[in-house]
Amino acid sequence: VQLQASGGGLVQAGGSLRLSCAASKRTASNNAVSWFRQGPGKEREIVATIPWRGGGTVRLDSVKGRFAISRDNAKNTVDLQMNSLKPEDTAVYYCAVARRPYGSSSPADYSYWGQGTQVTVSS
């Protein structure tokens, strides 16, 4: 499975971006997909996850109420809508396919990763 993440960019604080993760194969539709992020000098952290049946969950407390995850299994895509962006949201965002239908916060539980897309929020 190859993952292509897109949608990152430079945005002012308070703005919005929509990240999209496209999977090359339908295999990804049977597994959970998550978005992680890694800021400068920080460890990779999970942002949100969505199981194969849908009904995503935002896992990172600092973005709850501002971010939302969704998926379209017919199109093999998983999107991350990010609203009210803050400078501290600046990071490289990665999508990843889990080894099983339900997500995990541990990067080790993911078998495929996208190349990452840079999100920069200016103050």
PDB file of N, CA and C in Angstrom:
ATOM      1  N   VAL A   1       0.848  -1.196   0.000  1.00  0.00           N
ATOM      2  CA  VAL A   1       0.000   0.000   0.000  1.00  0.00           C
ATOM      3  C   VAL A   1       0.882   1.245   0.000  1.00  0.00           C
ATOM      4  N   GLN A   2       0.626   2.134  -0.910  1.00  0.00           N
ATOM      5  CA  GLN A   2       1.331   3.417  -0.924  1.00  0.00           C
ATOM      6  C   GLN A   2       0.360   4.510  -0.521  1.00  0.00           C
ATOM      7  N   LEU A   3       0.847   5.414   0.309  1.00  0.00           N
ATOM      8  CA  LEU A   3       0.021   6.509   0.785  1.00  0.00           C
ATOM      9  C   LEU A   3       0.570   7.829   0.285  1.00  0.00           C
ATOM     10  N   GLN A   4      -0.312   8.674  -0.173  1.00  0.00           N
ATOM     11  CA  GLN A   4       0.080   9.996  -0.655  1.00  0.00           C
ATOM     12  C   GLN A   4      -0.666  11.034   0.153  1.00  0.00           C
ATOM     13  N   ALA A   5       0.083  11.786   0.955  1.00  0.00           N
ATOM     14  CA  ALA A   5      -0.513  12.843   1.761  1.00  0.00           C
ATOM     15  C   ALA A   5      -0.382  14.171   1.038  1.00  0.00           C
ATOM     16  N   SER A   6      -1.417  14.967   1.118  1.00  0.00           N
ATOM     17  CA  SER A   6      -1.396  16.269   0.456  1.00  0.00           C
ATOM     18  C   SER A   6      -2.247  17.259   1.231  1.00  0.00           C
ATOM     19  N   GLY A   7      -2.138  18.527   0.866  1.00  0.00           N
ATOM     20  CA  GLY A   7      -2.980  19.544   1.461  1.00  0.00           C
ATOM     21  C   GLY A   7      -2.291  20.465   2.447  1.00  0.00           C
ATOM     22  N   GLY A   8      -1.042  20.178   2.770  1.00  0.00           N
ATOM     23  CA  GLY A   8      -0.332  21.036   3.697  1.00  0.00           C
ATOM     24  C   GLY A   8       0.018  22.376   3.069  1.00  0.00           C
ATOM     25  N   GLY A   9       0.528  23.273   3.900  1.00  0.00           N
ATOM     26  CA  GLY A   9       0.913  24.581   3.388  1.00  0.00           C
ATOM     27  C   GLY A   9       1.117  25.571   4.500  1.00  0.00           C
ATOM     28  N   LEU A  10       1.208  26.821   4.116  1.00  0.00           N
ATOM     29  CA  LEU A  10       1.388  27.917   5.060  1.00  0.00           C
ATOM     30  C   LEU A  10       0.053  28.630   5.236  1.00  0.00           C
ATOM     31  N   VAL A  11      -0.330  28.816   6.473  1.00  0.00           N
ATOM     32  CA  VAL A  11      -1.606  29.455   6.767  1.00  0.00           C
ATOM     33  C   VAL A  11      -1.443  30.346   7.994  1.00  0.00           C
ATOM     34  N   GLN A  12      -2.222  31.383   8.062  1.00  0.00           N
ATOM     35  CA  GLN A  12      -2.182  32.251   9.232  1.00  0.00           C
ATOM     36  C   GLN A  12      -2.977  31.636  10.373  1.00  0.00           C
ATOM     37  N   ALA A  13      -2.636  32.021  11.565  1.00  0.00           N
ATOM     38  CA  ALA A  13      -3.368  31.543  12.741  1.00  0.00           C
ATOM     39  C   ALA A  13      -4.846  31.867  12.585  1.00  0.00           C
ATOM     40  N   GLY A  14      -5.671  30.880  12.932  1.00  0.00           N
ATOM     41  CA  GLY A  14      -7.107  31.021  12.781  1.00  0.00           C
ATOM     42  C   GLY A  14      -7.638  30.471  11.477  1.00  0.00           C
ATOM     43  N   GLY A  15      -6.744  30.160  10.565  1.00  0.00           N
ATOM     44  CA  GLY A  15      -7.143  29.636   9.273  1.00  0.00           C
ATOM     45  C   GLY A  15      -7.424  28.147   9.304  1.00  0.00           C
ATOM     46  N   SER A  16      -7.718  27.605   8.124  1.00  0.00           N
ATOM     47  CA  SER A  16      -8.071  26.186   8.005  1.00  0.00           C
ATOM     48  C   SER A  16      -7.277  25.526   6.883  1.00  0.00           C
ATOM     49  N   LEU A  17      -7.057  24.255   7.035  1.00  0.00           N
ATOM     50  CA  LEU A  17      -6.490  23.417   5.986  1.00  0.00           C
ATOM     51  C   LEU A  17      -7.185  22.075   6.013  1.00  0.00           C
ATOM     52  N   ARG A  18      -7.210  21.434   4.875  1.00  0.00           N
ATOM     53  CA  ARG A  18      -7.749  20.075   4.794  1.00  0.00           C
ATOM     54  C   ARG A  18      -6.676  19.190   4.195  1.00  0.00           C
ATOM     55  N   LEU A  19      -6.218  18.247   4.990  1.00  0.00           N
ATOM     56  CA  LEU A  19      -5.240  17.280   4.527  1.00  0.00           C
ATOM     57  C   LEU A  19      -5.959  16.059   3.968  1.00  0.00           C
ATOM     58  N   SER A  20      -5.366  15.482   2.948  1.00  0.00           N
ATOM     59  CA  SER A  20      -5.949  14.293   2.359  1.00  0.00           C
ATOM     60  C   SER A  20      -4.890  13.207   2.222  1.00  0.00           C
ATOM     61  N   CYS A  21      -5.280  11.986   2.496  1.00  0.00           N
ATOM     62  CA  CYS A  21      -4.394  10.842   2.381  1.00  0.00           C
ATOM     63  C   CYS A  21      -5.036   9.868   1.408  1.00  0.00           C
ATOM     64  N   ALA A  22      -4.367   9.612   0.308  1.00  0.00           N
ATOM     65  CA  ALA A  22      -4.887   8.691  -0.705  1.00  0.00           C
ATOM     66  C   ALA A  22      -4.085   7.408  -0.680  1.00  0.00           C
ATOM     67  N   ALA A  23      -4.799   6.292  -0.576  1.00  0.00           N
ATOM     68  CA  ALA A  23      -4.144   4.987  -0.558  1.00  0.00           C
ATOM     69  C   ALA A  23      -4.186   4.362  -1.947  1.00  0.00           C
ATOM     70  N   SER A  24      -3.148   3.634  -2.265  1.00  0.00           N
ATOM     71  CA  SER A  24      -3.052   3.066  -3.612  1.00  0.00           C
ATOM     72  C   SER A  24      -3.884   1.814  -3.787  1.00  0.00           C
ATOM     73  N   LYS A  25      -4.248   1.169  -2.675  1.00  0.00           N
ATOM     74  CA  LYS A  25      -4.975  -0.075  -2.793  1.00  0.00           C
ATOM     75  C   LYS A  25      -6.161  -0.110  -1.854  1.00  0.00           C
ATOM     76  N   ARG A  26      -7.108  -0.947  -2.164  1.00  0.00           N
ATOM     77  CA  ARG A  26      -8.291  -1.071  -1.336  1.00  0.00           C
ATOM     78  C   ARG A  26      -7.968  -1.724   0.013  1.00  0.00           C
ATOM     79  N   THR A  27      -6.803  -2.327   0.129  1.00  0.00           N
ATOM     80  CA  THR A  27      -6.434  -2.959   1.388  1.00  0.00           C
ATOM     81  C   THR A  27      -6.579  -2.006   2.556  1.00  0.00           C
ATOM     82  N   ALA A  28      -6.250  -0.754   2.322  1.00  0.00           N
ATOM     83  CA  ALA A  28      -6.307   0.228   3.395  1.00  0.00           C
ATOM     84  C   ALA A  28      -7.714   0.405   3.925  1.00  0.00           C
ATOM     85  N   SER A  29      -8.714   0.078   3.115  1.00  0.00           N
ATOM     86  CA  SER A  29     -10.088   0.286   3.558  1.00  0.00           C
ATOM     87  C   SER A  29     -10.492  -0.718   4.634  1.00  0.00           C
ATOM     88  N   ASN A  30      -9.719  -1.774   4.856  1.00  0.00           N
ATOM     89  CA  ASN A  30     -10.040  -2.768   5.881  1.00  0.00           C
ATOM     90  C   ASN A  30      -9.353  -2.483   7.212  1.00  0.00           C
ATOM     91  N   ASN A  31      -8.547  -1.460   7.257  1.00  0.00           N
ATOM     92  CA  ASN A  31      -7.763  -1.171   8.452  1.00  0.00           C
ATOM     93  C   ASN A  31      -7.998   0.270   8.918  1.00  0.00           C
ATOM     94  N   ALA A  32      -7.678   0.503  10.156  1.00  0.00           N
ATOM     95  CA  ALA A  32      -7.750   1.871  10.670  1.00  0.00           C
ATOM     96  C   ALA A  32      -6.684   2.723  10.005  1.00  0.00           C
ATOM     97  N   VAL A  33      -6.992   3.979   9.863  1.00  0.00           N
ATOM     98  CA  VAL A  33      -6.040   4.954   9.340  1.00  0.00           C
ATOM     99  C   VAL A  33      -5.955   6.100  10.336  1.00  0.00           C
ATOM    100  N   SER A  34      -4.765   6.555  10.587  1.00  0.00           N
ATOM    101  CA  SER A  34      -4.561   7.642  11.532  1.00  0.00           C
ATOM    102  C   SER A  34      -3.709   8.742  10.924  1.00  0.00           C
ATOM    103  N   TRP A  35      -3.867   9.894  11.494  1.00  0.00           N
ATOM    104  CA  TRP A  35      -2.967  11.005  11.196  1.00  0.00           C
ATOM    105  C   TRP A  35      -2.088  11.230  12.430  1.00  0.00           C
ATOM    106  N   PHE A  36      -0.805  11.333  12.186  1.00  0.00           N
ATOM    107  CA  PHE A  36       0.162  11.678  13.208  1.00  0.00           C
ATOM    108  C   PHE A  36       0.779  13.022  12.820  1.00  0.00           C
ATOM    109  N   ARG A  37       1.473  13.624  13.769  1.00  0.00           N
ATOM    110  CA  ARG A  37       2.246  14.809  13.429  1.00  0.00           C
ATOM    111  C   ARG A  37       3.541  14.816  14.238  1.00  0.00           C
ATOM    112  N   GLN A  38       4.505  15.496  13.676  1.00  0.00           N
ATOM    113  CA  GLN A  38       5.792  15.616  14.355  1.00  0.00           C
ATOM    114  C   GLN A  38       6.294  17.042  14.197  1.00  0.00           C
ATOM    115  N   GLY A  39       6.311  17.760  15.311  1.00  0.00           N
ATOM    116  CA  GLY A  39       6.797  19.127  15.298  1.00  0.00           C
ATOM    117  C   GLY A  39       8.301  19.181  15.457  1.00  0.00           C
ATOM    118  N   PRO A  40       8.887  20.330  15.227  1.00  0.00           N
ATOM    119  CA  PRO A  40      10.347  20.476  15.348  1.00  0.00           C
ATOM    120  C   PRO A  40      10.831  20.075  16.738  1.00  0.00           C
ATOM    121  N   GLY A  41      11.755  19.139  16.789  1.00  0.00           N
ATOM    122  CA  GLY A  41      12.324  18.703  18.049  1.00  0.00           C
ATOM    123  C   GLY A  41      11.383  17.910  18.930  1.00  0.00           C
ATOM    124  N   LYS A  42      10.283  17.458  18.358  1.00  0.00           N
ATOM    125  CA  LYS A  42       9.299  16.719  19.152  1.00  0.00           C
ATOM    126  C   LYS A  42       9.138  15.298  18.628  1.00  0.00           C
ATOM    127  N   GLU A  43       8.573  14.452  19.453  1.00  0.00           N
ATOM    128  CA  GLU A  43       8.283  13.092  19.027  1.00  0.00           C
ATOM    129  C   GLU A  43       6.989  13.070  18.200  1.00  0.00           C
ATOM    130  N   ARG A  44       6.891  12.035  17.412  1.00  0.00           N
ATOM    131  CA  ARG A  44       5.679  11.866  16.618  1.00  0.00           C
ATOM    132  C   ARG A  44       4.513  11.549  17.539  1.00  0.00           C
ATOM    133  N   GLU A  45       3.390  12.217  17.330  1.00  0.00           N
ATOM    134  CA  GLU A  45       2.231  12.017  18.182  1.00  0.00           C
ATOM    135  C   GLU A  45       0.986  11.803  17.320  1.00  0.00           C
ATOM    136  N   ILE A  46       0.083  11.014  17.850  1.00  0.00           N
ATOM    137  CA  ILE A  46      -1.128  10.738  17.105  1.00  0.00           C
ATOM    138  C   ILE A  46      -2.071  11.932  17.218  1.00  0.00           C
ATOM    139  N   VAL A  47      -2.739  12.233  16.124  1.00  0.00           N
ATOM    140  CA  VAL A  47      -3.691  13.331  16.091  1.00  0.00           C
ATOM    141  C   VAL A  47      -5.117  12.792  16.086  1.00  0.00           C
ATOM    142  N   ALA A  48      -5.389  11.879  15.176  1.00  0.00           N
ATOM    143  CA  ALA A  48      -6.746  11.347  15.047  1.00  0.00           C
ATOM    144  C   ALA A  48      -6.685   9.995  14.369  1.00  0.00           C
ATOM    145  N   THR A  49      -7.688   9.185  14.619  1.00  0.00           N
ATOM    146  CA  THR A  49      -7.734   7.865  14.027  1.00  0.00           C
ATOM    147  C   THR A  49      -9.157   7.553  13.607  1.00  0.00           C
ATOM    148  N   ILE A  50      -9.273   6.730  12.581  1.00  0.00           N
ATOM    149  CA  ILE A  50     -10.603   6.332  12.134  1.00  0.00           C
ATOM    150  C   ILE A  50     -10.564   4.862  11.763  1.00  0.00           C
ATOM    151  N   PRO A  51     -11.416   4.041  12.372  1.00  0.00           N
ATOM    152  CA  PRO A  51     -11.447   2.617  12.044  1.00  0.00           C
ATOM    153  C   PRO A  51     -12.052   2.399  10.669  1.00  0.00           C
ATOM    154  N   TRP A  52     -11.959   1.180  10.174  1.00  0.00           N
ATOM    155  CA  TRP A  52     -12.409   0.915   8.813  1.00  0.00           C
ATOM    156  C   TRP A  52     -13.890   1.153   8.644  1.00  0.00           C
ATOM    157  N   ARG A  53     -14.645   1.063   9.729  1.00  0.00           N
ATOM    158  CA  ARG A  53     -16.076   1.285   9.618  1.00  0.00           C
ATOM    159  C   ARG A  53     -16.466   2.756   9.685  1.00  0.00           C
ATOM    160  N   GLY A  54     -15.486   3.616   9.921  1.00  0.00           N
ATOM    161  CA  GLY A  54     -15.816   5.018  10.040  1.00  0.00           C
ATOM    162  C   GLY A  54     -16.011   5.422  11.488  1.00  0.00           C
ATOM    163  N   GLY A  55     -16.426   6.650  11.706  1.00  0.00           N
ATOM    164  CA  GLY A  55     -16.615   7.121  13.069  1.00  0.00           C
ATOM    165  C   GLY A  55     -15.290   7.464  13.720  1.00  0.00           C
ATOM    166  N   GLY A  56     -14.624   8.470  13.186  1.00  0.00           N
ATOM    167  CA  GLY A  56     -13.292   8.790  13.645  1.00  0.00           C
ATOM    168  C   GLY A  56     -13.255   9.435  15.016  1.00  0.00           C
ATOM    169  N   THR A  57     -12.069   9.409  15.602  1.00  0.00           N
ATOM    170  CA  THR A  57     -11.839   9.976  16.922  1.00  0.00           C
ATOM    171  C   THR A  57     -10.607  10.858  16.892  1.00  0.00           C
ATOM    172  N   VAL A  58     -10.725  12.050  17.423  1.00  0.00           N
ATOM    173  CA  VAL A  58      -9.562  12.909  17.598  1.00  0.00           C
ATOM    174  C   VAL A  58      -8.907  12.525  18.910  1.00  0.00           C
ATOM    175  N   ARG A  59      -7.649  12.162  18.854  1.00  0.00           N
ATOM    176  CA  ARG A  59      -6.968  11.615  20.030  1.00  0.00           C
ATOM    177  C   ARG A  59      -6.131  12.666  20.766  1.00  0.00           C
ATOM    178  N   LEU A  60      -5.778  13.718  20.101  1.00  0.00           N
ATOM    179  CA  LEU A  60      -4.905  14.721  20.693  1.00  0.00           C
ATOM    180  C   LEU A  60      -5.747  15.816  21.336  1.00  0.00           C
ATOM    181  N   ASP A  61      -5.588  15.974  22.647  1.00  0.00           N
ATOM    182  CA  ASP A  61      -6.450  16.896  23.387  1.00  0.00           C
ATOM    183  C   ASP A  61      -6.355  18.330  22.875  1.00  0.00           C
ATOM    184  N   SER A  62      -5.179  18.732  22.478  1.00  0.00           N
ATOM    185  CA  SER A  62      -4.981  20.132  22.092  1.00  0.00           C
ATOM    186  C   SER A  62      -5.690  20.525  20.794  1.00  0.00           C
ATOM    187  N   VAL A  63      -6.159  19.543  20.038  1.00  0.00           N
ATOM    188  CA  VAL A  63      -6.846  19.863  18.782  1.00  0.00           C
ATOM    189  C   VAL A  63      -8.316  19.462  18.788  1.00  0.00           C
ATOM    190  N   LYS A  64      -8.776  18.901  19.888  1.00  0.00           N
ATOM    191  CA  LYS A  64     -10.190  18.509  19.969  1.00  0.00           C
ATOM    192  C   LYS A  64     -11.076  19.734  19.820  1.00  0.00           C
ATOM    193  N   GLY A  65     -12.113  19.568  19.034  1.00  0.00           N
ATOM    194  CA  GLY A  65     -13.006  20.687  18.764  1.00  0.00           C
ATOM    195  C   GLY A  65     -12.572  21.512  17.571  1.00  0.00           C
ATOM    196  N   ARG A  66     -11.342  21.289  17.092  1.00  0.00           N
ATOM    197  CA  ARG A  66     -10.840  22.046  15.938  1.00  0.00           C
ATOM    198  C   ARG A  66     -10.556  21.134  14.746  1.00  0.00           C
ATOM    199  N   PHE A  67     -10.172  19.903  14.995  1.00  0.00           N
ATOM    200  CA  PHE A  67      -9.831  18.959  13.923  1.00  0.00           C
ATOM    201  C   PHE A  67     -10.896  17.877  13.830  1.00  0.00           C
ATOM    202  N   ALA A  68     -11.051  17.329  12.650  1.00  0.00           N
ATOM    203  CA  ALA A  68     -11.960  16.212  12.437  1.00  0.00           C
ATOM    204  C   ALA A  68     -11.392  15.312  11.356  1.00  0.00           C
ATOM    205  N   ILE A  69     -11.596  14.009  11.529  1.00  0.00           N
ATOM    206  CA  ILE A  69     -11.104  13.023  10.570  1.00  0.00           C
ATOM    207  C   ILE A  69     -12.278  12.331   9.912  1.00  0.00           C
ATOM    208  N   SER A  70     -12.123  12.032   8.637  1.00  0.00           N
ATOM    209  CA  SER A  70     -13.176  11.342   7.905  1.00  0.00           C
ATOM    210  C   SER A  70     -12.536  10.436   6.853  1.00  0.00           C
ATOM    211  N   ARG A  71     -13.281   9.470   6.386  1.00  0.00           N
ATOM    212  CA  ARG A  71     -12.736   8.586   5.362  1.00  0.00           C
ATOM    213  C   ARG A  71     -13.806   8.250   4.343  1.00  0.00           C
ATOM    214  N   ASP A  72     -13.351   7.922   3.148  1.00  0.00           N
ATOM    215  CA  ASP A  72     -14.215   7.478   2.067  1.00  0.00           C
ATOM    216  C   ASP A  72     -13.596   6.202   1.524  1.00  0.00           C
ATOM    217  N   ASN A  73     -14.116   5.069   1.942  1.00  0.00           N
ATOM    218  CA  ASN A  73     -13.541   3.791   1.551  1.00  0.00           C
ATOM    219  C   ASN A  73     -13.671   3.538   0.052  1.00  0.00           C
ATOM    220  N   ALA A  74     -14.702   4.080  -0.555  1.00  0.00           N
ATOM    221  CA  ALA A  74     -14.876   3.898  -1.997  1.00  0.00           C
ATOM    222  C   ALA A  74     -13.752   4.592  -2.768  1.00  0.00           C
ATOM    223  N   LYS A  75     -13.265   5.683  -2.223  1.00  0.00           N
ATOM    224  CA  LYS A  75     -12.190   6.434  -2.883  1.00  0.00           C
ATOM    225  C   LYS A  75     -10.828   6.149  -2.271  1.00  0.00           C
ATOM    226  N   ASN A  76     -10.796   5.349  -1.205  1.00  0.00           N
ATOM    227  CA  ASN A  76      -9.546   5.048  -0.502  1.00  0.00           C
ATOM    228  C   ASN A  76      -8.857   6.322  -0.006  1.00  0.00           C
ATOM    229  N   THR A  77      -9.617   7.221   0.559  1.00  0.00           N
ATOM    230  CA  THR A  77      -9.048   8.465   1.070  1.00  0.00           C
ATOM    231  C   THR A  77      -9.460   8.684   2.530  1.00  0.00           C
ATOM    232  N   VAL A  78      -8.577   9.329   3.258  1.00  0.00           N
ATOM    233  CA  VAL A  78      -8.841   9.749   4.629  1.00  0.00           C
ATOM    234  C   VAL A  78      -8.422  11.209   4.742  1.00  0.00           C
ATOM    235  N   ASP A  79      -9.329  12.039   5.190  1.00  0.00           N
ATOM    236  CA  ASP A  79      -9.065  13.467   5.280  1.00  0.00           C
ATOM    237  C   ASP A  79      -8.972  13.925   6.733  1.00  0.00           C
ATOM    238  N   LEU A  80      -8.210  14.976   6.934  1.00  0.00           N
ATOM    239  CA  LEU A  80      -8.120  15.618   8.241  1.00  0.00           C
ATOM    240  C   LEU A  80      -8.458  17.093   8.048  1.00  0.00           C
ATOM    241  N   GLN A  81      -9.606  17.485   8.538  1.00  0.00           N
ATOM    242  CA  GLN A  81     -10.014  18.891   8.469  1.00  0.00           C
ATOM    243  C   GLN A  81      -9.485  19.597   9.698  1.00  0.00           C
ATOM    244  N   MET A  82      -8.743  20.668   9.467  1.00  0.00           N
ATOM    245  CA  MET A  82      -8.122  21.394  10.564  1.00  0.00           C
ATOM    246  C   MET A  82      -8.604  22.844  10.537  1.00  0.00           C
ATOM    247  N   ASN A  83      -9.290  23.226  11.581  1.00  0.00           N
ATOM    248  CA  ASN A  83      -9.828  24.584  11.685  1.00  0.00           C
ATOM    249  C   ASN A  83      -9.181  25.310  12.856  1.00  0.00           C
ATOM    250  N   SER A  84      -9.323  26.626  12.854  1.00  0.00           N
ATOM    251  CA  SER A  84      -8.794  27.463  13.938  1.00  0.00           C
ATOM    252  C   SER A  84      -7.349  27.100  14.260  1.00  0.00           C
ATOM    253  N   LEU A  85      -6.552  27.031  13.239  1.00  0.00           N
ATOM    254  CA  LEU A  85      -5.166  26.599  13.407  1.00  0.00           C
ATOM    255  C   LEU A  85      -4.362  27.568  14.260  1.00  0.00           C
ATOM    256  N   LYS A  86      -3.443  26.997  15.015  1.00  0.00           N
ATOM    257  CA  LYS A  86      -2.581  27.769  15.904  1.00  0.00           C
ATOM    258  C   LYS A  86      -1.119  27.528  15.528  1.00  0.00           C
ATOM    259  N   PRO A  87      -0.248  28.451  15.873  1.00  0.00           N
ATOM    260  CA  PRO A  87       1.176  28.236  15.560  1.00  0.00           C
ATOM    261  C   PRO A  87       1.724  26.924  16.112  1.00  0.00           C
ATOM    262  N   GLU A  88       1.209  26.489  17.237  1.00  0.00           N
ATOM    263  CA  GLU A  88       1.687  25.230  17.816  1.00  0.00           C
ATOM    264  C   GLU A  88       1.231  23.999  17.036  1.00  0.00           C
ATOM    265  N   ASP A  89       0.367  24.187  16.050  1.00  0.00           N
ATOM    266  CA  ASP A  89      -0.013  23.078  15.173  1.00  0.00           C
ATOM    267  C   ASP A  89       1.013  22.861  14.055  1.00  0.00           C
ATOM    268  N   THR A  90       1.989  23.734  13.986  1.00  0.00           N
ATOM    269  CA  THR A  90       3.024  23.600  12.973  1.00  0.00           C
ATOM    270  C   THR A  90       3.764  22.278  13.146  1.00  0.00           C
ATOM    271  N   ALA A  91       3.788  21.489  12.092  1.00  0.00           N
ATOM    272  CA  ALA A  91       4.407  20.165  12.144  1.00  0.00           C
ATOM    273  C   ALA A  91       4.346  19.528  10.764  1.00  0.00           C
ATOM    274  N   VAL A  92       5.040  18.420  10.643  1.00  0.00           N
ATOM    275  CA  VAL A  92       4.845  17.555   9.476  1.00  0.00           C
ATOM    276  C   VAL A  92       3.765  16.553   9.854  1.00  0.00           C
ATOM    277  N   TYR A  93       2.768  16.463   9.016  1.00  0.00           N
ATOM    278  CA  TYR A  93       1.647  15.578   9.283  1.00  0.00           C
ATOM    279  C   TYR A  93       1.767  14.328   8.406  1.00  0.00           C
ATOM    280  N   TYR A  94       1.578  13.174   9.039  1.00  0.00           N
ATOM    281  CA  TYR A  94       1.702  11.889   8.352  1.00  0.00           C
ATOM    282  C   TYR A  94       0.413  11.096   8.486  1.00  0.00           C
ATOM    283  N   CYS A  95       0.040  10.435   7.418  1.00  0.00           N
ATOM    284  CA  CYS A  95      -1.038   9.463   7.533  1.00  0.00           C
ATOM    285  C   CYS A  95      -0.419   8.069   7.550  1.00  0.00           C
ATOM    286  N   ALA A  96      -1.116   7.160   8.201  1.00  0.00           N
ATOM    287  CA  ALA A  96      -0.579   5.815   8.351  1.00  0.00           C
ATOM    288  C   ALA A  96      -1.713   4.810   8.420  1.00  0.00           C
ATOM    289  N   VAL A  97      -1.466   3.637   7.895  1.00  0.00           N
ATOM    290  CA  VAL A  97      -2.434   2.539   7.925  1.00  0.00           C
ATOM    291  C   VAL A  97      -2.046   1.572   9.025  1.00  0.00           C
ATOM    292  N   ALA A  98      -2.992   1.286   9.894  1.00  0.00           N
ATOM    293  CA  ALA A  98      -2.741   0.378  11.014  1.00  0.00           C
ATOM    294  C   ALA A  98      -2.711  -1.070  10.541  1.00  0.00           C
ATOM    295  N   ARG A  99      -2.179  -1.923  11.402  1.00  0.00           N
ATOM    296  CA  ARG A  99      -2.102  -3.356  11.092  1.00  0.00           C
ATOM    297  C   ARG A  99      -3.428  -4.069  11.321  1.00  0.00           C
ATOM    298  N   ARG A 100      -4.413  -3.339  11.861  1.00  0.00           N
ATOM    299  CA  ARG A 100      -5.679  -3.972  12.203  1.00  0.00           C
ATOM    300  C   ARG A 100      -6.808  -2.970  12.004  1.00  0.00           C
ATOM    301  N   PRO A 101      -8.066  -3.425  12.156  1.00  0.00           N
ATOM    302  CA  PRO A 101      -9.196  -2.540  11.863  1.00  0.00           C
ATOM    303  C   PRO A 101      -9.330  -1.339  12.800  1.00  0.00           C
ATOM    304  N   TYR A 102      -8.726  -1.427  14.008  1.00  0.00           N
ATOM    305  CA  TYR A 102      -8.877  -0.346  14.956  1.00  0.00           C
ATOM    306  C   TYR A 102      -7.531   0.300  15.236  1.00  0.00           C
ATOM    307  N   GLY A 103      -7.546   1.599  15.442  1.00  0.00           N
ATOM    308  CA  GLY A 103      -6.304   2.355  15.541  1.00  0.00           C
ATOM    309  C   GLY A 103      -5.590   2.208  16.862  1.00  0.00           C
ATOM    310  N   SER A 104      -4.375   2.682  16.877  1.00  0.00           N
ATOM    311  CA  SER A 104      -3.516   2.662  18.049  1.00  0.00           C
ATOM    312  C   SER A 104      -2.728   3.963  18.079  1.00  0.00           C
ATOM    313  N   SER A 105      -2.318   4.364  19.271  1.00  0.00           N
ATOM    314  CA  SER A 105      -1.521   5.583  19.383  1.00  0.00           C
ATOM    315  C   SER A 105      -0.038   5.325  19.171  1.00  0.00           C
ATOM    316  N   SER A 106       0.337   4.074  19.061  1.00  0.00           N
ATOM    317  CA  SER A 106       1.751   3.738  18.901  1.00  0.00           C
ATOM    318  C   SER A 106       2.132   3.649  17.436  1.00  0.00           C
ATOM    319  N   PRO A 107       3.114   4.431  16.996  1.00  0.00           N
ATOM    320  CA  PRO A 107       3.551   4.336  15.599  1.00  0.00           C
ATOM    321  C   PRO A 107       3.989   2.934  15.197  1.00  0.00           C
ATOM    322  N   ALA A 108       4.416   2.139  16.149  1.00  0.00           N
ATOM    323  CA  ALA A 108       4.874   0.779  15.841  1.00  0.00           C
ATOM    324  C   ALA A 108       3.742  -0.120  15.365  1.00  0.00           C
ATOM    325  N   ASP A 109       2.504   0.289  15.604  1.00  0.00           N
ATOM    326  CA  ASP A 109       1.352  -0.518  15.204  1.00  0.00           C
ATOM    327  C   ASP A 109       0.870  -0.196  13.799  1.00  0.00           C
ATOM    328  N   TYR A 110       1.649   0.560  13.063  1.00  0.00           N
ATOM    329  CA  TYR A 110       1.269   0.972  11.717  1.00  0.00           C
ATOM    330  C   TYR A 110       2.246   0.408  10.705  1.00  0.00           C
ATOM    331  N   SER A 111       1.700  -0.125   9.638  1.00  0.00           N
ATOM    332  CA  SER A 111       2.546  -0.815   8.672  1.00  0.00           C
ATOM    333  C   SER A 111       2.891   0.045   7.459  1.00  0.00           C
ATOM    334  N   TYR A 112       2.097   1.033   7.164  1.00  0.00           N
ATOM    335  CA  TYR A 112       2.364   1.882   5.999  1.00  0.00           C
ATOM    336  C   TYR A 112       2.251   3.348   6.403  1.00  0.00           C
ATOM    337  N   TRP A 113       3.157   4.144   5.855  1.00  0.00           N
ATOM    338  CA  TRP A 113       3.198   5.574   6.160  1.00  0.00           C
ATOM    339  C   TRP A 113       3.272   6.394   4.881  1.00  0.00           C
ATOM    340  N   GLY A 114       2.589   7.519   4.909  1.00  0.00           N
ATOM    341  CA  GLY A 114       2.740   8.479   3.826  1.00  0.00           C
ATOM    342  C   GLY A 114       4.025   9.264   3.999  1.00  0.00           C
ATOM    343  N   GLN A 115       4.338  10.087   3.030  1.00  0.00           N
ATOM    344  CA  GLN A 115       5.612  10.799   3.033  1.00  0.00           C
ATOM    345  C   GLN A 115       5.594  12.033   3.932  1.00  0.00           C
ATOM    346  N   GLY A 116       4.437  12.430   4.415  1.00  0.00           N
ATOM    347  CA  GLY A 116       4.335  13.604   5.262  1.00  0.00           C
ATOM    348  C   GLY A 116       4.059  14.854   4.456  1.00  0.00           C
ATOM    349  N   THR A 117       3.299  15.728   5.056  1.00  0.00           N
ATOM    350  CA  THR A 117       3.010  17.017   4.430  1.00  0.00           C
ATOM    351  C   THR A 117       3.196  18.112   5.478  1.00  0.00           C
ATOM    352  N   GLN A 118       3.899  19.152   5.111  1.00  0.00           N
ATOM    353  CA  GLN A 118       4.249  20.200   6.060  1.00  0.00           C
ATOM    354  C   GLN A 118       3.083  21.166   6.255  1.00  0.00           C
ATOM    355  N   VAL A 119       2.779  21.424   7.514  1.00  0.00           N
ATOM    356  CA  VAL A 119       1.796  22.447   7.872  1.00  0.00           C
ATOM    357  C   VAL A 119       2.514  23.499   8.705  1.00  0.00           C
ATOM    358  N   THR A 120       2.451  24.725   8.247  1.00  0.00           N
ATOM    359  CA  THR A 120       3.079  25.823   8.965  1.00  0.00           C
ATOM    360  C   THR A 120       2.035  26.893   9.248  1.00  0.00           C
ATOM    361  N   VAL A 121       1.893  27.225  10.523  1.00  0.00           N
ATOM    362  CA  VAL A 121       0.907  28.214  10.933  1.00  0.00           C
ATOM    363  C   VAL A 121       1.648  29.432  11.466  1.00  0.00           C
ATOM    364  N   SER A 122       1.438  30.549  10.840  1.00  0.00           N
ATOM    365  CA  SER A 122       2.115  31.771  11.252  1.00  0.00           C
ATOM    366  C   SER A 122       1.226  32.564  12.210  1.00  0.00           C
ATOM    367  N   SER A 123       1.898  33.273  13.112  1.00  0.00           N
ATOM    368  CA  SER A 123       1.139  34.041  14.111  1.00  0.00           C
ATOM    369  C   SER A 123       0.804  35.432  13.617  1.00  0.00           C
TER     370      SER A 123
END
